[in-house]
Amino acid sequence: MSRHERILVDGPDGKIEVFVEGHENPQGIALIAHPHPLFGGTADNKVVTTLARAFRERGCITLRPSFRGVGGSEGEHDHGDAETDDVLAVHAWARERYADVLTASGAPLPVYLAGFSFGAYVTTRLAKRLAAAGDPAKWLVLVGTAAGFVEGARSYETAAVTADTLVIHGSEDTTVRLDNVLAWAQPLEIPVVVIPGADHFFHRRLHLIRDIIHRAWH
């Protein structure tokens, strides 16, 4: 496998474009979801590529799928429902492709999930599906998580996640208000890491996302 690949994976409603970046000594697989496709979100978003870099620095193969209707991905936007099916298909593809790549203990590579904004919302849904199927993700990292009523007259009922999930949000996020995320996290008893002064896209603060992931790595 080359270090950088663009793959077309068979999905429920057509091809799904996935950008794959390998690792010489893989310790895991990280599946990273991008922000809302109808508002310019792509797999090349700077927060998404920052997440991918952080996971590669921790030894992961990274997969950045394009949501339906973006880039080479087929299908129409479905507000998160069909998108969850799509990332589930990408997960299944990765499990099959890397089935023979094992950790030092002989176990299959663990799968990490991450997402930004709408992608974080979809990631919570994917995590719930995987846990129900008996193949839970090892760890979740959610950034700028879409929750509650957000800019653009959209409302999200974000799924519950495990208590060890890393949730990162900007104090000055006007797209998804910090209060929305706190209201979602409070009943789940999940801490929220707040980056002071950060807007929704973490301009000039992307390096802090990497630092926080490395500090919290387990």
C-alpha atoms as a PDB file:
ATOM      1  CA  MET A   1       0.000   0.000   0.000  1.00  0.00           C
ATOM      2  CA  SER A   2       1.288   3.448  -0.876  1.00  0.00           C
ATOM      3  CA  ARG A   3       1.482   5.997   1.885  1.00  0.00           C
ATOM      4  CA  HIS A   4      -1.245   8.191   0.346  1.00  0.00           C
ATOM      5  CA  GLU A   5      -4.207   6.734  -1.523  1.00  0.00           C
ATOM      6  CA  ARG A   6      -7.580   7.796  -2.830  1.00  0.00           C
ATOM      7  CA  ILE A   7      -9.914   4.815  -2.671  1.00  0.00           C
ATOM      8  CA  LEU A   8     -13.482   4.357  -3.883  1.00  0.00           C
ATOM      9  CA  VAL A   9     -15.370   2.108  -1.476  1.00  0.00           C
ATOM     10  CA  ASP A  10     -18.721   0.510  -2.294  1.00  0.00           C
ATOM     11  CA  GLY A  11     -21.425   2.115  -0.178  1.00  0.00           C
ATOM     12  CA  PRO A  12     -25.188   1.629   0.187  1.00  0.00           C
ATOM     13  CA  ASP A  13     -25.961   4.170  -2.551  1.00  0.00           C
ATOM     14  CA  GLY A  14     -22.833   4.195  -4.670  1.00  0.00           C
ATOM     15  CA  LYS A  15     -19.139   4.858  -4.350  1.00  0.00           C
ATOM     16  CA  ILE A  16     -17.627   6.533  -1.295  1.00  0.00           C
ATOM     17  CA  GLU A  17     -14.387   8.444  -1.775  1.00  0.00           C
ATOM     18  CA  VAL A  18     -11.873   7.786   1.011  1.00  0.00           C
ATOM     19  CA  PHE A  19      -8.462   9.360   1.476  1.00  0.00           C
ATOM     20  CA  VAL A  20      -6.161   6.815   3.102  1.00  0.00           C
ATOM     21  CA  GLU A  21      -2.808   7.638   4.649  1.00  0.00           C
ATOM     22  CA  GLY A  22      -0.798   4.671   5.764  1.00  0.00           C
ATOM     23  CA  HIS A  23       1.793   4.100   8.454  1.00  0.00           C
ATOM     24  CA  GLU A  24       4.961   2.007   8.355  1.00  0.00           C
ATOM     25  CA  ASN A  25       4.180   0.397  11.705  1.00  0.00           C
ATOM     26  CA  PRO A  26       0.428   0.731  12.201  1.00  0.00           C
ATOM     27  CA  GLN A  27      -0.950   0.556  15.719  1.00  0.00           C
ATOM     28  CA  GLY A  28      -4.533   1.400  14.859  1.00  0.00           C
ATOM     29  CA  ILE A  29      -7.000   2.731  12.315  1.00  0.00           C
ATOM     30  CA  ALA A  30      -8.553   6.182  12.659  1.00  0.00           C
ATOM     31  CA  LEU A  31     -11.751   7.014  10.785  1.00  0.00           C
ATOM     32  CA  ILE A  32     -12.294  10.780  10.657  1.00  0.00           C
ATOM     33  CA  ALA A  33     -15.498  12.502   9.513  1.00  0.00           C
ATOM     34  CA  HIS A  34     -15.660  16.000   8.007  1.00  0.00           C
ATOM     35  CA  PRO A  35     -18.076  18.919   8.581  1.00  0.00           C
ATOM     36  CA  HIS A  36     -21.399  19.619   6.867  1.00  0.00           C
ATOM     37  CA  PRO A  37     -21.194  19.081   3.096  1.00  0.00           C
ATOM     38  CA  LEU A  38     -23.867  21.678   2.301  1.00  0.00           C
ATOM     39  CA  PHE A  39     -21.796  24.351   4.038  1.00  0.00           C
ATOM     40  CA  GLY A  40     -18.489  23.639   2.333  1.00  0.00           C
ATOM     41  CA  GLY A  41     -17.315  20.732   4.478  1.00  0.00           C
ATOM     42  CA  THR A  42     -14.792  18.373   2.881  1.00  0.00           C
ATOM     43  CA  ALA A  43     -12.242  15.765   3.910  1.00  0.00           C
ATOM     44  CA  ASP A  44      -9.547  18.409   3.369  1.00  0.00           C
ATOM     45  CA  ASN A  45     -10.935  20.693   6.068  1.00  0.00           C
ATOM     46  CA  LYS A  46      -8.085  21.940   8.266  1.00  0.00           C
ATOM     47  CA  VAL A  47      -9.565  20.586  11.492  1.00  0.00           C
ATOM     48  CA  VAL A  48     -10.032  17.183   9.831  1.00  0.00           C
ATOM     49  CA  THR A  49      -6.481  17.087   8.498  1.00  0.00           C
ATOM     50  CA  THR A  50      -5.220  18.205  11.917  1.00  0.00           C
ATOM     51  CA  LEU A  51      -7.047  15.290  13.520  1.00  0.00           C
ATOM     52  CA  ALA A  52      -5.594  12.926  10.918  1.00  0.00           C
ATOM     53  CA  ARG A  53      -2.089  14.206  11.574  1.00  0.00           C
ATOM     54  CA  ALA A  54      -2.468  13.715  15.317  1.00  0.00           C
ATOM     55  CA  PHE A  55      -3.615  10.124  14.854  1.00  0.00           C
ATOM     56  CA  ARG A  56      -0.809   9.350  12.406  1.00  0.00           C
ATOM     57  CA  GLU A  57       1.652  10.714  14.951  1.00  0.00           C
ATOM     58  CA  ARG A  58       0.242   8.059  17.270  1.00  0.00           C
ATOM     59  CA  GLY A  59       0.796   5.291  14.735  1.00  0.00           C
ATOM     60  CA  CYS A  60      -2.587   5.098  13.050  1.00  0.00           C
ATOM     61  CA  ILE A  61      -3.608   4.514   9.479  1.00  0.00           C
ATOM     62  CA  THR A  62      -6.045   7.355   8.784  1.00  0.00           C
ATOM     63  CA  LEU A  63      -9.187   7.273   6.659  1.00  0.00           C
ATOM     64  CA  ARG A  64     -10.964  10.489   5.675  1.00  0.00           C
ATOM     65  CA  PRO A  65     -14.161   9.671   3.749  1.00  0.00           C
ATOM     66  CA  SER A  66     -16.027  12.260   1.704  1.00  0.00           C
ATOM     67  CA  PHE A  67     -19.682  12.423   2.613  1.00  0.00           C
ATOM     68  CA  ARG A  68     -22.182  11.700  -0.149  1.00  0.00           C
ATOM     69  CA  GLY A  69     -22.281  14.417  -2.778  1.00  0.00           C
ATOM     70  CA  VAL A  70     -18.757  15.621  -1.955  1.00  0.00           C
ATOM     71  CA  GLY A  71     -15.772  14.961  -4.235  1.00  0.00           C
ATOM     72  CA  GLY A  72     -15.985  11.482  -5.695  1.00  0.00           C
ATOM     73  CA  SER A  73     -18.694  10.228  -3.321  1.00  0.00           C
ATOM     74  CA  GLU A  74     -22.055   9.366  -4.856  1.00  0.00           C
ATOM     75  CA  GLY A  75     -25.511   9.790  -3.349  1.00  0.00           C
ATOM     76  CA  GLU A  76     -27.422  12.749  -1.920  1.00  0.00           C
ATOM     77  CA  HIS A  77     -27.143  14.449   1.443  1.00  0.00           C
ATOM     78  CA  ASP A  78     -29.381  12.788   4.053  1.00  0.00           C
ATOM     79  CA  HIS A  79     -28.888  14.873   7.224  1.00  0.00           C
ATOM     80  CA  GLY A  80     -26.788  12.202   8.903  1.00  0.00           C
ATOM     81  CA  ASP A  81     -28.894   9.067   8.442  1.00  0.00           C
ATOM     82  CA  ALA A  82     -27.454   7.662   5.201  1.00  0.00           C
ATOM     83  CA  GLU A  83     -24.114   9.254   6.064  1.00  0.00           C
ATOM     84  CA  THR A  84     -23.957   6.973   9.106  1.00  0.00           C
ATOM     85  CA  ASP A  85     -24.571   3.983   6.827  1.00  0.00           C
ATOM     86  CA  ASP A  86     -21.765   5.216   4.571  1.00  0.00           C
ATOM     87  CA  VAL A  87     -19.144   5.516   7.317  1.00  0.00           C
ATOM     88  CA  LEU A  88     -20.243   2.119   8.606  1.00  0.00           C
ATOM     89  CA  ALA A  89     -19.450   0.751   5.134  1.00  0.00           C
ATOM     90  CA  VAL A  90     -16.034   2.425   5.233  1.00  0.00           C
ATOM     91  CA  HIS A  91     -15.413   0.875   8.651  1.00  0.00           C
ATOM     92  CA  ALA A  92     -16.324  -2.577   7.302  1.00  0.00           C
ATOM     93  CA  TRP A  93     -14.007  -2.039   4.320  1.00  0.00           C
ATOM     94  CA  ALA A  94     -11.142  -1.078   6.635  1.00  0.00           C
ATOM     95  CA  ARG A  95     -11.730  -4.081   8.872  1.00  0.00           C
ATOM     96  CA  GLU A  96     -11.498  -6.364   5.840  1.00  0.00           C
ATOM     97  CA  ARG A  97      -8.542  -4.627   4.222  1.00  0.00           C
ATOM     98  CA  TYR A  98      -6.417  -4.597   7.361  1.00  0.00           C
ATOM     99  CA  ALA A  99      -7.592  -7.924   8.779  1.00  0.00           C
ATOM    100  CA  ASP A 100      -4.082  -9.378   8.488  1.00  0.00           C
ATOM    101  CA  VAL A 101      -2.390  -6.397  10.148  1.00  0.00           C
ATOM    102  CA  LEU A 102      -2.101  -7.162  13.851  1.00  0.00           C
ATOM    103  CA  THR A 103      -0.800  -5.428  16.938  1.00  0.00           C
ATOM    104  CA  ALA A 104       2.275  -6.703  18.779  1.00  0.00           C
ATOM    105  CA  SER A 105      -0.024  -8.810  20.959  1.00  0.00           C
ATOM    106  CA  GLY A 106      -1.567 -10.452  17.885  1.00  0.00           C
ATOM    107  CA  ALA A 107      -4.900  -8.617  18.121  1.00  0.00           C
ATOM    108  CA  PRO A 108      -6.649  -6.846  15.240  1.00  0.00           C
ATOM    109  CA  LEU A 109      -5.871  -3.156  14.929  1.00  0.00           C
ATOM    110  CA  PRO A 110      -8.088  -1.048  17.185  1.00  0.00           C
ATOM    111  CA  VAL A 111     -10.325   1.482  15.497  1.00  0.00           C
ATOM    112  CA  TYR A 112     -10.469   5.093  16.640  1.00  0.00           C
ATOM    113  CA  LEU A 113     -13.242   7.452  15.582  1.00  0.00           C
ATOM    114  CA  ALA A 114     -13.045  11.212  15.235  1.00  0.00           C
ATOM    115  CA  GLY A 115     -15.145  13.943  13.706  1.00  0.00           C
ATOM    116  CA  PHE A 116     -15.578  17.659  13.382  1.00  0.00           C
ATOM    117  CA  SER A 117     -18.913  19.522  13.582  1.00  0.00           C
ATOM    118  CA  PHE A 118     -21.503  17.572  11.522  1.00  0.00           C
ATOM    119  CA  GLY A 119     -18.848  14.866  11.245  1.00  0.00           C
ATOM    120  CA  ALA A 120     -18.707  14.615  15.039  1.00  0.00           C
ATOM    121  CA  TYR A 121     -22.482  14.169  15.110  1.00  0.00           C
ATOM    122  CA  VAL A 122     -22.266  11.350  12.549  1.00  0.00           C
ATOM    123  CA  THR A 123     -19.371   9.831  14.506  1.00  0.00           C
ATOM    124  CA  THR A 124     -21.507   9.537  17.650  1.00  0.00           C
ATOM    125  CA  ARG A 125     -24.089   7.639  15.616  1.00  0.00           C
ATOM    126  CA  LEU A 126     -21.439   5.371  14.098  1.00  0.00           C
ATOM    127  CA  ALA A 127     -19.989   4.642  17.552  1.00  0.00           C
ATOM    128  CA  LYS A 128     -23.428   3.612  18.782  1.00  0.00           C
ATOM    129  CA  ARG A 129     -23.902   1.262  15.820  1.00  0.00           C
ATOM    130  CA  LEU A 130     -20.477  -0.338  16.276  1.00  0.00           C
ATOM    131  CA  ALA A 131     -20.995  -0.859  20.001  1.00  0.00           C
ATOM    132  CA  ALA A 132     -24.347  -2.530  19.347  1.00  0.00           C
ATOM    133  CA  ALA A 133     -22.641  -4.827  16.807  1.00  0.00           C
ATOM    134  CA  GLY A 134     -20.028  -5.893  19.372  1.00  0.00           C
ATOM    135  CA  ASP A 135     -17.118  -4.062  17.757  1.00  0.00           C
ATOM    136  CA  PRO A 136     -16.836  -0.827  19.763  1.00  0.00           C
ATOM    137  CA  ALA A 137     -14.331   1.857  18.876  1.00  0.00           C
ATOM    138  CA  LYS A 138     -11.317   2.114  21.146  1.00  0.00           C
ATOM    139  CA  TRP A 139     -11.666   5.884  21.570  1.00  0.00           C
ATOM    140  CA  LEU A 140     -13.633   8.843  20.241  1.00  0.00           C
ATOM    141  CA  VAL A 141     -12.410  12.391  19.634  1.00  0.00           C
ATOM    142  CA  LEU A 142     -15.135  14.936  18.893  1.00  0.00           C
ATOM    143  CA  VAL A 143     -14.369  18.537  17.909  1.00  0.00           C
ATOM    144  CA  GLY A 144     -16.919  21.340  17.521  1.00  0.00           C
ATOM    145  CA  THR A 145     -19.658  18.746  17.983  1.00  0.00           C
ATOM    146  CA  ALA A 146     -22.981  19.589  16.357  1.00  0.00           C
ATOM    147  CA  ALA A 147     -25.551  19.354  19.154  1.00  0.00           C
ATOM    148  CA  GLY A 148     -28.909  21.001  19.721  1.00  0.00           C
ATOM    149  CA  PHE A 149     -30.041  23.931  17.580  1.00  0.00           C
ATOM    150  CA  VAL A 150     -27.186  25.358  15.532  1.00  0.00           C
ATOM    151  CA  GLU A 151     -26.610  28.086  12.968  1.00  0.00           C
ATOM    152  CA  GLY A 152     -28.580  27.516   9.768  1.00  0.00           C
ATOM    153  CA  ALA A 153     -31.826  26.360  11.420  1.00  0.00           C
ATOM    154  CA  ARG A 154     -30.532  22.857  11.986  1.00  0.00           C
ATOM    155  CA  SER A 155     -31.133  20.761  15.094  1.00  0.00           C
ATOM    156  CA  TYR A 156     -29.178  17.705  16.202  1.00  0.00           C
ATOM    157  CA  GLU A 157     -30.050  15.010  18.704  1.00  0.00           C
ATOM    158  CA  THR A 158     -26.482  13.876  19.242  1.00  0.00           C
ATOM    159  CA  ALA A 159     -26.066  10.278  20.407  1.00  0.00           C
ATOM    160  CA  ALA A 160     -24.694   9.347  23.814  1.00  0.00           C
ATOM    161  CA  VAL A 161     -21.034   8.316  23.921  1.00  0.00           C
ATOM    162  CA  THR A 162     -18.730   6.624  26.402  1.00  0.00           C
ATOM    163  CA  ALA A 163     -17.362   8.548  29.367  1.00  0.00           C
ATOM    164  CA  ASP A 164     -13.773   8.477  28.099  1.00  0.00           C
ATOM    165  CA  THR A 165     -14.664  10.369  24.889  1.00  0.00           C
ATOM    166  CA  LEU A 166     -12.504  13.433  24.271  1.00  0.00           C
ATOM    167  CA  VAL A 167     -14.734  16.418  23.505  1.00  0.00           C
ATOM    168  CA  ILE A 168     -13.042  19.649  22.356  1.00  0.00           C
ATOM    169  CA  HIS A 169     -14.867  22.919  21.774  1.00  0.00           C
ATOM    170  CA  GLY A 170     -14.075  26.581  21.213  1.00  0.00           C
ATOM    171  CA  SER A 171     -15.235  29.185  23.721  1.00  0.00           C
ATOM    172  CA  GLU A 172     -16.144  31.580  20.898  1.00  0.00           C
ATOM    173  CA  ASP A 173     -17.921  29.094  18.643  1.00  0.00           C
ATOM    174  CA  THR A 174     -20.945  30.898  17.175  1.00  0.00           C
ATOM    175  CA  THR A 175     -21.929  28.019  14.867  1.00  0.00           C
ATOM    176  CA  VAL A 176     -22.411  25.471  17.652  1.00  0.00           C
ATOM    177  CA  ARG A 177     -22.720  27.305  20.942  1.00  0.00           C
ATOM    178  CA  LEU A 178     -20.671  25.953  23.813  1.00  0.00           C
ATOM    179  CA  ASP A 179     -23.854  25.829  25.906  1.00  0.00           C
ATOM    180  CA  ASN A 180     -25.307  23.313  23.421  1.00  0.00           C
ATOM    181  CA  VAL A 181     -22.400  20.940  23.917  1.00  0.00           C
ATOM    182  CA  LEU A 182     -22.405  21.366  27.687  1.00  0.00           C
ATOM    183  CA  ALA A 183     -26.125  20.559  27.772  1.00  0.00           C
ATOM    184  CA  TRP A 184     -25.464  17.366  25.781  1.00  0.00           C
ATOM    185  CA  ALA A 185     -22.409  16.367  27.836  1.00  0.00           C
ATOM    186  CA  GLN A 186     -23.787  17.085  31.310  1.00  0.00           C
ATOM    187  CA  PRO A 187     -26.152  14.089  31.677  1.00  0.00           C
ATOM    188  CA  LEU A 188     -23.458  11.848  30.188  1.00  0.00           C
ATOM    189  CA  GLU A 189     -20.934  13.153  32.758  1.00  0.00           C
ATOM    190  CA  ILE A 190     -18.389  13.813  30.012  1.00  0.00           C
ATOM    191  CA  PRO A 191     -15.812  16.587  30.501  1.00  0.00           C
ATOM    192  CA  VAL A 192     -15.544  19.168  27.727  1.00  0.00           C
ATOM    193  CA  VAL A 193     -12.127  20.631  26.938  1.00  0.00           C
ATOM    194  CA  VAL A 194     -12.665  24.297  26.086  1.00  0.00           C
ATOM    195  CA  ILE A 195     -10.081  26.203  24.048  1.00  0.00           C
ATOM    196  CA  PRO A 196     -10.301  29.871  25.062  1.00  0.00           C
ATOM    197  CA  GLY A 197     -10.784  32.263  22.173  1.00  0.00           C
ATOM    198  CA  ALA A 198     -11.314  29.517  19.574  1.00  0.00           C
ATOM    199  CA  ASP A 199     -14.052  29.902  16.979  1.00  0.00           C
ATOM    200  CA  HIS A 200     -15.799  27.010  15.254  1.00  0.00           C
ATOM    201  CA  PHE A 201     -12.920  26.442  12.841  1.00  0.00           C
ATOM    202  CA  PHE A 202     -10.164  26.889  15.447  1.00  0.00           C
ATOM    203  CA  HIS A 203      -8.310  29.528  13.436  1.00  0.00           C
ATOM    204  CA  ARG A 204      -4.764  29.908  14.782  1.00  0.00           C
ATOM    205  CA  ARG A 205      -5.480  27.254  17.391  1.00  0.00           C
ATOM    206  CA  LEU A 206      -5.296  24.035  15.385  1.00  0.00           C
ATOM    207  CA  HIS A 207      -2.024  23.115  17.104  1.00  0.00           C
ATOM    208  CA  LEU A 208      -3.884  23.007  20.417  1.00  0.00           C
ATOM    209  CA  ILE A 209      -6.159  20.251  19.108  1.00  0.00           C
ATOM    210  CA  ARG A 210      -3.097  18.108  18.403  1.00  0.00           C
ATOM    211  CA  ASP A 211      -1.602  18.891  21.806  1.00  0.00           C
ATOM    212  CA  ILE A 212      -4.813  17.972  23.618  1.00  0.00           C
ATOM    213  CA  ILE A 213      -5.109  14.645  21.762  1.00  0.00           C
ATOM    214  CA  HIS A 214      -1.519  13.709  22.576  1.00  0.00           C
ATOM    215  CA  ARG A 215      -1.957  14.595  26.249  1.00  0.00           C
ATOM    216  CA  ALA A 216      -5.167  12.591  26.503  1.00  0.00           C
ATOM    217  CA  TRP A 217      -3.926   9.589  24.500  1.00  0.00           C
ATOM    218  CA  HIS A 218      -4.480   6.227  26.153  1.00  0.00           C
END
